[in-house]
mmCIF file of all heavy atoms, coordinates in Angstrom:
data_MODEL
# 
_entry.id   MODEL 
# 
loop_
_atom_site.group_PDB 
_atom_site.id 
_atom_site.type_symbol 
_atom_site.label_atom_id 
_atom_site.label_alt_id 
_atom_site.label_comp_id 
_atom_site.label_asym_id 
_atom_site.label_entity_id 
_atom_site.label_seq_id 
_atom_site.pdbx_PDB_ins_code 
_atom_site.Cartn_x 
_atom_site.Cartn_y 
_atom_site.Cartn_z 
_atom_site.occupancy 
_atom_site.B_iso_or_equiv 
_atom_site.pdbx_formal_charge 
_atom_site.auth_seq_id 
_atom_site.auth_comp_id 
_atom_site.auth_asym_id 
_atom_site.auth_atom_id 
_atom_site.pdbx_PDB_model_num 
ATOM 1   N N   . PRO A 1 1  ? 11.468  7.035  7.609   1.00 0.00 ? 1  PRO A N   1 
ATOM 2   C CA  . PRO A 1 1  ? 10.234  6.436  8.153   1.00 0.00 ? 1  PRO A CA  1 
ATOM 3   C C   . PRO A 1 1  ? 9.657   5.392  7.210   1.00 0.00 ? 1  PRO A C   1 
ATOM 4   O O   . PRO A 1 1  ? 9.953   5.413  5.991   1.00 0.00 ? 1  PRO A O   1 
ATOM 5   C CB  . PRO A 1 1  ? 9.297   7.667  8.194   1.00 0.00 ? 1  PRO A CB  1 
ATOM 6   C CG  . PRO A 1 1  ? 9.886   8.661  7.296   1.00 0.00 ? 1  PRO A CG  1 
ATOM 7   C CD  . PRO A 1 1  ? 11.322  8.447  7.221   1.00 0.00 ? 1  PRO A CD  1 
ATOM 8   N N   . VAL A 1 2  ? 8.901   4.478  7.767   1.00 0.00 ? 2  VAL A N   1 
ATOM 9   C CA  . VAL A 1 2  ? 8.290   3.426  6.968   1.00 0.00 ? 2  VAL A CA  1 
ATOM 10  C C   . VAL A 1 2  ? 7.185   4.018  6.105   1.00 0.00 ? 2  VAL A C   1 
ATOM 11  O O   . VAL A 1 2  ? 6.297   4.675  6.659   1.00 0.00 ? 2  VAL A O   1 
ATOM 12  C CB  . VAL A 1 2  ? 7.745   2.301  7.921   1.00 0.00 ? 2  VAL A CB  1 
ATOM 13  C CG1 . VAL A 1 2  ? 7.001   1.224  7.050   1.00 0.00 ? 2  VAL A CG1 1 
ATOM 14  C CG2 . VAL A 1 2  ? 8.832   1.672  8.686   1.00 0.00 ? 2  VAL A CG2 1 
ATOM 15  N N   . PRO A 1 3  ? 7.171   3.828  4.782   1.00 0.00 ? 3  PRO A N   1 
ATOM 16  C CA  . PRO A 1 3  ? 6.104   4.335  3.953   1.00 0.00 ? 3  PRO A CA  1 
ATOM 17  C C   . PRO A 1 3  ? 4.765   3.590  4.357   1.00 0.00 ? 3  PRO A C   1 
ATOM 18  O O   . PRO A 1 3  ? 4.778   2.378  4.644   1.00 0.00 ? 3  PRO A O   1 
ATOM 19  C CB  . PRO A 1 3  ? 6.513   3.956  2.549   1.00 0.00 ? 3  PRO A CB  1 
ATOM 20  C CG  . PRO A 1 3  ? 8.018   3.741  2.573   1.00 0.00 ? 3  PRO A CG  1 
ATOM 21  C CD  . PRO A 1 3  ? 8.240   3.184  3.969   1.00 0.00 ? 3  PRO A CD  1 
ATOM 22  N N   . THR A 1 4  ? 3.671   4.363  4.314   1.00 0.00 ? 4  THR A N   1 
ATOM 23  C CA  . THR A 1 4  ? 2.395   3.810  4.737   1.00 0.00 ? 4  THR A CA  1 
ATOM 24  C C   . THR A 1 4  ? 1.285   4.297  3.819   1.00 0.00 ? 4  THR A C   1 
ATOM 25  O O   . THR A 1 4  ? 1.426   5.268  3.073   1.00 0.00 ? 4  THR A O   1 
ATOM 26  C CB  . THR A 1 4  ? 2.050   4.195  6.180   1.00 0.00 ? 4  THR A CB  1 
ATOM 27  O OG1 . THR A 1 4  ? 1.931   5.626  6.273   1.00 0.00 ? 4  THR A OG1 1 
ATOM 28  C CG2 . THR A 1 4  ? 3.088   3.683  7.155   1.00 0.00 ? 4  THR A CG2 1 
ATOM 29  N N   . LEU A 1 5  ? 0.157   3.596  3.871   1.00 0.00 ? 5  LEU A N   1 
ATOM 30  C CA  . LEU A 1 5  ? -1.061  4.034  3.240   1.00 0.00 ? 5  LEU A CA  1 
ATOM 31  C C   . LEU A 1 5  ? -2.149  4.104  4.354   1.00 0.00 ? 5  LEU A C   1 
ATOM 32  O O   . LEU A 1 5  ? -2.185  3.244  5.261   1.00 0.00 ? 5  LEU A O   1 
ATOM 33  C CB  . LEU A 1 5  ? -1.550  3.025  2.157   1.00 0.00 ? 5  LEU A CB  1 
ATOM 34  C CG  . LEU A 1 5  ? -0.937  3.206  0.742   1.00 0.00 ? 5  LEU A CG  1 
ATOM 35  C CD1 . LEU A 1 5  ? -1.447  2.073  -0.133  1.00 0.00 ? 5  LEU A CD1 1 
ATOM 36  C CD2 . LEU A 1 5  ? -1.299  4.543  0.148   1.00 0.00 ? 5  LEU A CD2 1 
ATOM 37  N N   . ALA A 1 6  ? -3.054  5.047  4.189   1.00 0.00 ? 6  ALA A N   1 
ATOM 38  C CA  . ALA A 1 6  ? -4.195  5.197  5.100   1.00 0.00 ? 6  ALA A CA  1 
ATOM 39  C C   . ALA A 1 6  ? -5.143  4.008  4.811   1.00 0.00 ? 6  ALA A C   1 
ATOM 40  O O   . ALA A 1 6  ? -5.196  3.463  3.723   1.00 0.00 ? 6  ALA A O   1 
ATOM 41  C CB  . ALA A 1 6  ? -4.874  6.489  4.879   1.00 0.00 ? 6  ALA A CB  1 
ATOM 42  N N   . VAL A 1 7  ? -5.878  3.655  5.854   1.00 0.00 ? 7  VAL A N   1 
ATOM 43  C CA  . VAL A 1 7  ? -6.973  2.644  5.678   1.00 0.00 ? 7  VAL A CA  1 
ATOM 44  C C   . VAL A 1 7  ? -8.299  3.306  5.855   1.00 0.00 ? 7  VAL A C   1 
ATOM 45  O O   . VAL A 1 7  ? -8.573  4.006  6.857   1.00 0.00 ? 7  VAL A O   1 
ATOM 46  C CB  . VAL A 1 7  ? -6.780  1.537  6.791   1.00 0.00 ? 7  VAL A CB  1 
ATOM 47  C CG1 . VAL A 1 7  ? -7.913  0.452  6.601   1.00 0.00 ? 7  VAL A CG1 1 
ATOM 48  C CG2 . VAL A 1 7  ? -5.453  0.843  6.626   1.00 0.00 ? 7  VAL A CG2 1 
ATOM 49  N N   . ALA A 1 8  ? -9.139  3.180  4.823   1.00 0.00 ? 8  ALA A N   1 
ATOM 50  C CA  . ALA A 1 8  ? -10.449 3.899  4.831   1.00 0.00 ? 8  ALA A CA  1 
ATOM 51  C C   . ALA A 1 8  ? -11.282 3.444  6.029   1.00 0.00 ? 8  ALA A C   1 
ATOM 52  O O   . ALA A 1 8  ? -11.473 2.221  6.246   1.00 0.00 ? 8  ALA A O   1 
ATOM 53  C CB  . ALA A 1 8  ? -11.196 3.572  3.497   1.00 0.00 ? 8  ALA A CB  1 
ATOM 54  N N   . GLY A 1 9  ? -11.857 4.414  6.715   1.00 0.00 ? 9  GLY A N   1 
ATOM 55  C CA  . GLY A 1 9  ? -12.706 4.144  7.848   1.00 0.00 ? 9  GLY A CA  1 
ATOM 56  C C   . GLY A 1 9  ? -12.034 3.592  9.101   1.00 0.00 ? 9  GLY A C   1 
ATOM 57  O O   . GLY A 1 9  ? -12.739 3.118  10.024  1.00 0.00 ? 9  GLY A O   1 
ATOM 58  N N   . ARG A 1 10 ? -10.669 3.640  9.086   1.00 0.00 ? 10 ARG A N   1 
ATOM 59  C CA  . ARG A 1 10 ? -9.998  3.049  10.252  1.00 0.00 ? 10 ARG A CA  1 
ATOM 60  C C   . ARG A 1 10 ? -8.977  4.085  10.743  1.00 0.00 ? 10 ARG A C   1 
ATOM 61  O O   . ARG A 1 10 ? -8.382  4.843  9.956   1.00 0.00 ? 10 ARG A O   1 
ATOM 62  C CB  . ARG A 1 10 ? -9.202  1.791  9.865   1.00 0.00 ? 10 ARG A CB  1 
ATOM 63  C CG  . ARG A 1 10 ? -10.049 0.695  9.218   1.00 0.00 ? 10 ARG A CG  1 
ATOM 64  C CD  . ARG A 1 10 ? -10.953 0.021  10.218  1.00 0.00 ? 10 ARG A CD  1 
ATOM 65  N NE  . ARG A 1 10 ? -11.448 -1.280 9.745   1.00 0.00 ? 10 ARG A NE  1 
ATOM 66  C CZ  . ARG A 1 10 ? -12.442 -1.426 8.864   1.00 0.00 ? 10 ARG A CZ  1 
ATOM 67  N NH1 . ARG A 1 10 ? -13.066 -0.357 8.372   1.00 0.00 ? 10 ARG A NH1 1 
ATOM 68  N NH2 . ARG A 1 10 ? -12.806 -2.643 8.485   1.00 0.00 ? 10 ARG A NH2 1 
ATOM 69  N N   . ASP A 1 11 ? -8.685  4.080  12.044  1.00 0.00 ? 11 ASP A N   1 
ATOM 70  C CA  . ASP A 1 11 ? -7.646  4.902  12.622  1.00 0.00 ? 11 ASP A CA  1 
ATOM 71  C C   . ASP A 1 11 ? -6.385  4.029  12.638  1.00 0.00 ? 11 ASP A C   1 
ATOM 72  O O   . ASP A 1 11 ? -5.854  3.679  13.671  1.00 0.00 ? 11 ASP A O   1 
ATOM 73  C CB  . ASP A 1 11 ? -8.017  5.359  14.027  1.00 0.00 ? 11 ASP A CB  1 
ATOM 74  C CG  . ASP A 1 11 ? -6.942  6.272  14.612  1.00 0.00 ? 11 ASP A CG  1 
ATOM 75  O OD1 . ASP A 1 11 ? -6.156  6.884  13.831  1.00 0.00 ? 11 ASP A OD1 1 
ATOM 76  O OD2 . ASP A 1 11 ? -6.886  6.429  15.864  1.00 0.00 ? 11 ASP A OD2 1 
ATOM 77  N N   . ALA A 1 12 ? -5.891  3.733  11.436  1.00 0.00 ? 12 ALA A N   1 
ATOM 78  C CA  . ALA A 1 12 ? -4.765  2.828  11.319  1.00 0.00 ? 12 ALA A CA  1 
ATOM 79  C C   . ALA A 1 12 ? -4.063  3.136  9.952   1.00 0.00 ? 12 ALA A C   1 
ATOM 80  O O   . ALA A 1 12 ? -4.692  3.717  9.055   1.00 0.00 ? 12 ALA A O   1 
ATOM 81  C CB  . ALA A 1 12 ? -5.213  1.385  11.352  1.00 0.00 ? 12 ALA A CB  1 
ATOM 82  N N   . VAL A 1 13 ? -2.831  2.749  9.828   1.00 0.00 ? 13 VAL A N   1 
ATOM 83  C CA  . VAL A 1 13 ? -2.109  2.852  8.581   1.00 0.00 ? 13 VAL A CA  1 
ATOM 84  C C   . VAL A 1 13 ? -1.495  1.521  8.201   1.00 0.00 ? 13 VAL A C   1 
ATOM 85  O O   . VAL A 1 13 ? -1.196  0.664  9.095   1.00 0.00 ? 13 VAL A O   1 
ATOM 86  C CB  . VAL A 1 13 ? -0.986  3.945  8.655   1.00 0.00 ? 13 VAL A CB  1 
ATOM 87  C CG1 . VAL A 1 13 ? -1.586  5.316  8.774   1.00 0.00 ? 13 VAL A CG1 1 
ATOM 88  C CG2 . VAL A 1 13 ? 0.051   3.660  9.755   1.00 0.00 ? 13 VAL A CG2 1 
ATOM 89  N N   . PHE A 1 14 ? -1.290  1.303  6.949   1.00 0.00 ? 14 PHE A N   1 
ATOM 90  C CA  . PHE A 1 14 ? -0.784  0.002  6.438   1.00 0.00 ? 14 PHE A CA  1 
ATOM 91  C C   . PHE A 1 14 ? 0.653   0.237  6.084   1.00 0.00 ? 14 PHE A C   1 
ATOM 92  O O   . PHE A 1 14 ? 1.014   1.025  5.150   1.00 0.00 ? 14 PHE A O   1 
ATOM 93  C CB  . PHE A 1 14 ? -1.599  -0.338 5.192   1.00 0.00 ? 14 PHE A CB  1 
ATOM 94  C CG  . PHE A 1 14 ? -1.178  -1.647 4.485   1.00 0.00 ? 14 PHE A CG  1 
ATOM 95  C CD1 . PHE A 1 14 ? -1.765  -2.837 4.855   1.00 0.00 ? 14 PHE A CD1 1 
ATOM 96  C CD2 . PHE A 1 14 ? -0.217  -1.676 3.516   1.00 0.00 ? 14 PHE A CD2 1 
ATOM 97  C CE1 . PHE A 1 14 ? -1.433  -3.992 4.255   1.00 0.00 ? 14 PHE A CE1 1 
ATOM 98  C CE2 . PHE A 1 14 ? 0.126   -2.837 2.929   1.00 0.00 ? 14 PHE A CE2 1 
ATOM 99  C CZ  . PHE A 1 14 ? -0.479  -4.053 3.279   1.00 0.00 ? 14 PHE A CZ  1 
ATOM 100 N N   . PRO A 1 15 ? 1.631   -0.453 6.720   1.00 0.00 ? 15 PRO A N   1 
ATOM 101 C CA  . PRO A 1 15 ? 3.040   -0.259 6.416   1.00 0.00 ? 15 PRO A CA  1 
ATOM 102 C C   . PRO A 1 15 ? 3.386   -1.044 5.112   1.00 0.00 ? 15 PRO A C   1 
ATOM 103 O O   . PRO A 1 15 ? 3.007   -2.182 4.926   1.00 0.00 ? 15 PRO A O   1 
ATOM 104 C CB  . PRO A 1 15 ? 3.743   -0.957 7.617   1.00 0.00 ? 15 PRO A CB  1 
ATOM 105 C CG  . PRO A 1 15 ? 2.757   -1.936 8.115   1.00 0.00 ? 15 PRO A CG  1 
ATOM 106 C CD  . PRO A 1 15 ? 1.390   -1.424 7.831   1.00 0.00 ? 15 PRO A CD  1 
ATOM 107 N N   . ILE A 1 16 ? 4.136   -0.365 4.207   1.00 0.00 ? 16 ILE A N   1 
ATOM 108 C CA  . ILE A 1 16 ? 4.402   -0.930 2.935   1.00 0.00 ? 16 ILE A CA  1 
ATOM 109 C C   . ILE A 1 16 ? 5.803   -1.608 2.932   1.00 0.00 ? 16 ILE A C   1 
ATOM 110 O O   . ILE A 1 16 ? 6.793   -0.993 3.310   1.00 0.00 ? 16 ILE A O   1 
ATOM 111 C CB  . ILE A 1 16 ? 4.368   0.190  1.842   1.00 0.00 ? 16 ILE A CB  1 
ATOM 112 C CG1 . ILE A 1 16 ? 2.993   0.833  1.818   1.00 0.00 ? 16 ILE A CG1 1 
ATOM 113 C CG2 . ILE A 1 16 ? 4.708   -0.379 0.450   1.00 0.00 ? 16 ILE A CG2 1 
ATOM 114 C CD1 . ILE A 1 16 ? 2.911   2.106  0.999   1.00 0.00 ? 16 ILE A CD1 1 
ATOM 115 N N   . HIS A 1 17 ? 5.842   -2.836 2.438   1.00 0.00 ? 17 HIS A N   1 
ATOM 116 C CA  . HIS A 1 17 ? 7.085   -3.555 2.341   1.00 0.00 ? 17 HIS A CA  1 
ATOM 117 C C   . HIS A 1 17 ? 7.710   -3.412 0.981   1.00 0.00 ? 17 HIS A C   1 
ATOM 118 O O   . HIS A 1 17 ? 8.782   -2.854 0.800   1.00 0.00 ? 17 HIS A O   1 
ATOM 119 C CB  . HIS A 1 17 ? 6.842   -5.022 2.715   1.00 0.00 ? 17 HIS A CB  1 
ATOM 120 C CG  . HIS A 1 17 ? 8.082   -5.895 2.532   1.00 0.00 ? 17 HIS A CG  1 
ATOM 121 N ND1 . HIS A 1 17 ? 8.176   -6.928 1.557   1.00 0.00 ? 17 HIS A ND1 1 
ATOM 122 C CD2 . HIS A 1 17 ? 9.234   -5.926 3.224   1.00 0.00 ? 17 HIS A CD2 1 
ATOM 123 C CE1 . HIS A 1 17 ? 9.354   -7.460 1.706   1.00 0.00 ? 17 HIS A CE1 1 
ATOM 124 N NE2 . HIS A 1 17 ? 10.037  -6.941 2.708   1.00 0.00 ? 17 HIS A NE2 1 
ATOM 125 N N   . ARG A 1 18 ? 7.020   -3.901 -0.053  1.00 0.00 ? 18 ARG A N   1 
ATOM 126 C CA  . ARG A 1 18 ? 7.478   -3.772 -1.461  1.00 0.00 ? 18 ARG A CA  1 
ATOM 127 C C   . ARG A 1 18 ? 6.285   -3.411 -2.355  1.00 0.00 ? 18 ARG A C   1 
ATOM 128 O O   . ARG A 1 18 ? 5.080   -3.652 -1.951  1.00 0.00 ? 18 ARG A O   1 
ATOM 129 C CB  . ARG A 1 18 ? 8.071   -5.092 -1.946  1.00 0.00 ? 18 ARG A CB  1 
ATOM 130 C CG  . ARG A 1 18 ? 9.381   -5.484 -1.341  1.00 0.00 ? 18 ARG A CG  1 
ATOM 131 C CD  . ARG A 1 18 ? 9.883   -6.809 -1.922  1.00 0.00 ? 18 ARG A CD  1 
ATOM 132 N NE  . ARG A 1 18 ? 11.137  -7.193 -1.328  1.00 0.00 ? 18 ARG A NE  1 
ATOM 133 C CZ  . ARG A 1 18 ? 11.708  -8.355 -1.505  1.00 0.00 ? 18 ARG A CZ  1 
ATOM 134 N NH1 . ARG A 1 18 ? 11.083  -9.341 -2.198  1.00 0.00 ? 18 ARG A NH1 1 
ATOM 135 N NH2 . ARG A 1 18 ? 12.906  -8.660 -0.903  1.00 0.00 ? 18 ARG A NH2 1 
ATOM 136 N N   . ILE A 1 19 ? 6.592   -2.932 -3.516  1.00 0.00 ? 19 ILE A N   1 
ATOM 137 C CA  . ILE A 1 19 ? 5.548   -2.677 -4.506  1.00 0.00 ? 19 ILE A CA  1 
ATOM 138 C C   . ILE A 1 19 ? 5.903   -3.475 -5.781  1.00 0.00 ? 19 ILE A C   1 
ATOM 139 O O   . ILE A 1 19 ? 7.008   -3.241 -6.414  1.00 0.00 ? 19 ILE A O   1 
ATOM 140 C CB  . ILE A 1 19 ? 5.422   -1.146 -4.875  1.00 0.00 ? 19 ILE A CB  1 
ATOM 141 C CG1 . ILE A 1 19 ? 5.137   -0.344 -3.635  1.00 0.00 ? 19 ILE A CG1 1 
ATOM 142 C CG2 . ILE A 1 19 ? 4.389   -0.950 -5.983  1.00 0.00 ? 19 ILE A CG2 1 
ATOM 143 C CD1 . ILE A 1 19 ? 5.086   1.136  -3.902  1.00 0.00 ? 19 ILE A CD1 1 
ATOM 144 N N   . TYR A 1 20 ? 4.986   -4.415 -6.132  1.00 0.00 ? 20 TYR A N   1 
ATOM 145 C CA  . TYR A 1 20 ? 5.133   -5.115 -7.411  1.00 0.00 ? 20 TYR A CA  1 
ATOM 146 C C   . TYR A 1 20 ? 4.129   -4.624 -8.374  1.00 0.00 ? 20 TYR A C   1 
ATOM 147 O O   . TYR A 1 20 ? 2.998   -4.281 -7.953  1.00 0.00 ? 20 TYR A O   1 
ATOM 148 C CB  . TYR A 1 20 ? 4.899   -6.646 -7.164  1.00 0.00 ? 20 TYR A CB  1 
ATOM 149 C CG  . TYR A 1 20 ? 5.835   -7.297 -6.216  1.00 0.00 ? 20 TYR A CG  1 
ATOM 150 C CD1 . TYR A 1 20 ? 5.516   -7.435 -4.836  1.00 0.00 ? 20 TYR A CD1 1 
ATOM 151 C CD2 . TYR A 1 20 ? 7.079   -7.771 -6.653  1.00 0.00 ? 20 TYR A CD2 1 
ATOM 152 C CE1 . TYR A 1 20 ? 6.365   -8.098 -3.971  1.00 0.00 ? 20 TYR A CE1 1 
ATOM 153 C CE2 . TYR A 1 20 ? 7.928   -8.412 -5.742  1.00 0.00 ? 20 TYR A CE2 1 
ATOM 154 C CZ  . TYR A 1 20 ? 7.582   -8.539 -4.404  1.00 0.00 ? 20 TYR A CZ  1 
ATOM 155 O OH  . TYR A 1 20 ? 8.398   -9.170 -3.569  1.00 0.00 ? 20 TYR A OH  1 
ATOM 156 N N   . CYS A 1 21 ? 4.467   -4.609 -9.667  1.00 0.00 ? 21 CYS A N   1 
ATOM 157 C CA  . CYS A 1 21 ? 3.546   -4.137 -10.709 1.00 0.00 ? 21 CYS A CA  1 
ATOM 158 C C   . CYS A 1 21 ? 3.464   -5.199 -11.792 1.00 0.00 ? 21 CYS A C   1 
ATOM 159 O O   . CYS A 1 21 ? 4.496   -5.812 -12.181 1.00 0.00 ? 21 CYS A O   1 
ATOM 160 C CB  . CYS A 1 21 ? 3.995   -2.878 -11.359 1.00 0.00 ? 21 CYS A CB  1 
ATOM 161 S SG  . CYS A 1 21 ? 4.181   -1.486 -10.184 1.00 0.00 ? 21 CYS A SG  1 
ATOM 162 N N   . VAL A 1 22 ? 2.259   -5.562 -12.184 1.00 0.00 ? 22 VAL A N   1 
ATOM 163 C CA  . VAL A 1 22 ? 2.052   -6.525 -13.294 1.00 0.00 ? 22 VAL A CA  1 
ATOM 164 C C   . VAL A 1 22 ? 1.987   -5.833 -14.612 1.00 0.00 ? 22 VAL A C   1 
ATOM 165 O O   . VAL A 1 22 ? 1.242   -4.854 -14.817 1.00 0.00 ? 22 VAL A O   1 
ATOM 166 C CB  . VAL A 1 22 ? 0.742   -7.328 -13.039 1.00 0.00 ? 22 VAL A CB  1 
ATOM 167 C CG1 . VAL A 1 22 ? 0.613   -8.425 -14.094 1.00 0.00 ? 22 VAL A CG1 1 
ATOM 168 C CG2 . VAL A 1 22 ? 0.652   -7.876 -11.627 1.00 0.00 ? 22 VAL A CG2 1 
ATOM 169 N N   . GLY A 1 23 ? 2.817   -6.215 -15.533 1.00 0.00 ? 23 GLY A N   1 
ATOM 170 C CA  . GLY A 1 23 ? 2.870   -5.573 -16.834 1.00 0.00 ? 23 GLY A CA  1 
ATOM 171 C C   . GLY A 1 23 ? 1.838   -6.125 -17.833 1.00 0.00 ? 23 GLY A C   1 
ATOM 172 O O   . GLY A 1 23 ? 1.592   -7.377 -17.878 1.00 0.00 ? 23 GLY A O   1 
ATOM 173 N N   . ARG A 1 24 ? 1.207   -5.233 -18.575 1.00 0.00 ? 24 ARG A N   1 
ATOM 174 C CA  . ARG A 1 24 ? 0.315   -5.623 -19.720 1.00 0.00 ? 24 ARG A CA  1 
ATOM 175 C C   . ARG A 1 24 ? -0.697  -6.659 -19.300 1.00 0.00 ? 24 ARG A C   1 
ATOM 176 O O   . ARG A 1 24 ? -0.789  -7.725 -19.929 1.00 0.00 ? 24 ARG A O   1 
ATOM 177 C CB  . ARG A 1 24 ? 1.123   -6.016 -20.920 1.00 0.00 ? 24 ARG A CB  1 
ATOM 178 C CG  . ARG A 1 24 ? 1.964   -4.925 -21.448 1.00 0.00 ? 24 ARG A CG  1 
ATOM 179 C CD  . ARG A 1 24 ? 2.574   -5.229 -22.814 1.00 0.00 ? 24 ARG A CD  1 
ATOM 180 N NE  . ARG A 1 24 ? 3.645   -6.285 -22.799 1.00 0.00 ? 24 ARG A NE  1 
ATOM 181 C CZ  . ARG A 1 24 ? 4.952   -6.009 -22.703 1.00 0.00 ? 24 ARG A CZ  1 
ATOM 182 N NH1 . ARG A 1 24 ? 5.330   -4.734 -22.648 1.00 0.00 ? 24 ARG A NH1 1 
ATOM 183 N NH2 . ARG A 1 24 ? 5.841   -6.947 -22.670 1.00 0.00 ? 24 ARG A NH2 1 
ATOM 184 N N   . ASN A 1 25 ? -1.491  -6.400 -18.269 1.00 0.00 ? 25 ASN A N   1 
ATOM 185 C CA  . ASN A 1 25 ? -2.445  -7.377 -17.713 1.00 0.00 ? 25 ASN A CA  1 
ATOM 186 C C   . ASN A 1 25 ? -3.861  -7.192 -18.212 1.00 0.00 ? 25 ASN A C   1 
ATOM 187 O O   . ASN A 1 25 ? -4.749  -7.957 -17.846 1.00 0.00 ? 25 ASN A O   1 
ATOM 188 C CB  . ASN A 1 25 ? -2.423  -7.390 -16.210 1.00 0.00 ? 25 ASN A CB  1 
ATOM 189 C CG  . ASN A 1 25 ? -3.053  -8.640 -15.590 1.00 0.00 ? 25 ASN A CG  1 
ATOM 190 O OD1 . ASN A 1 25 ? -2.953  -9.713 -16.202 1.00 0.00 ? 25 ASN A OD1 1 
ATOM 191 N ND2 . ASN A 1 25 ? -3.707  -8.540 -14.470 1.00 0.00 ? 25 ASN A ND2 1 
ATOM 192 N N   . PHE A 1 26 ? -4.087  -6.157 -19.073 1.00 0.00 ? 26 PHE A N   1 
ATOM 193 C CA  . PHE A 1 26 ? -5.360  -6.013 -19.767 1.00 0.00 ? 26 PHE A CA  1 
ATOM 194 C C   . PHE A 1 26 ? -5.066  -6.222 -21.222 1.00 0.00 ? 26 PHE A C   1 
ATOM 195 O O   . PHE A 1 26 ? -4.137  -5.656 -21.786 1.00 0.00 ? 26 PHE A O   1 
ATOM 196 C CB  . PHE A 1 26 ? -5.940  -4.612 -19.555 1.00 0.00 ? 26 PHE A CB  1 
ATOM 197 C CG  . PHE A 1 26 ? -6.665  -4.428 -18.275 1.00 0.00 ? 26 PHE A CG  1 
ATOM 198 C CD1 . PHE A 1 26 ? -5.993  -4.376 -17.037 1.00 0.00 ? 26 PHE A CD1 1 
ATOM 199 C CD2 . PHE A 1 26 ? -8.020  -4.281 -18.221 1.00 0.00 ? 26 PHE A CD2 1 
ATOM 200 C CE1 . PHE A 1 26 ? -6.655  -4.168 -15.850 1.00 0.00 ? 26 PHE A CE1 1 
ATOM 201 C CE2 . PHE A 1 26 ? -8.719  -4.098 -16.994 1.00 0.00 ? 26 PHE A CE2 1 
ATOM 202 C CZ  . PHE A 1 26 ? -7.995  -4.066 -15.834 1.00 0.00 ? 26 PHE A CZ  1 
# 
């Protein structure tokens, strides 16, 4: 199944394509 995230206050889900992470940004 397509990974998803819930959307606050909505009857909807957000389908996830990729996850990028920024290193040492603080």
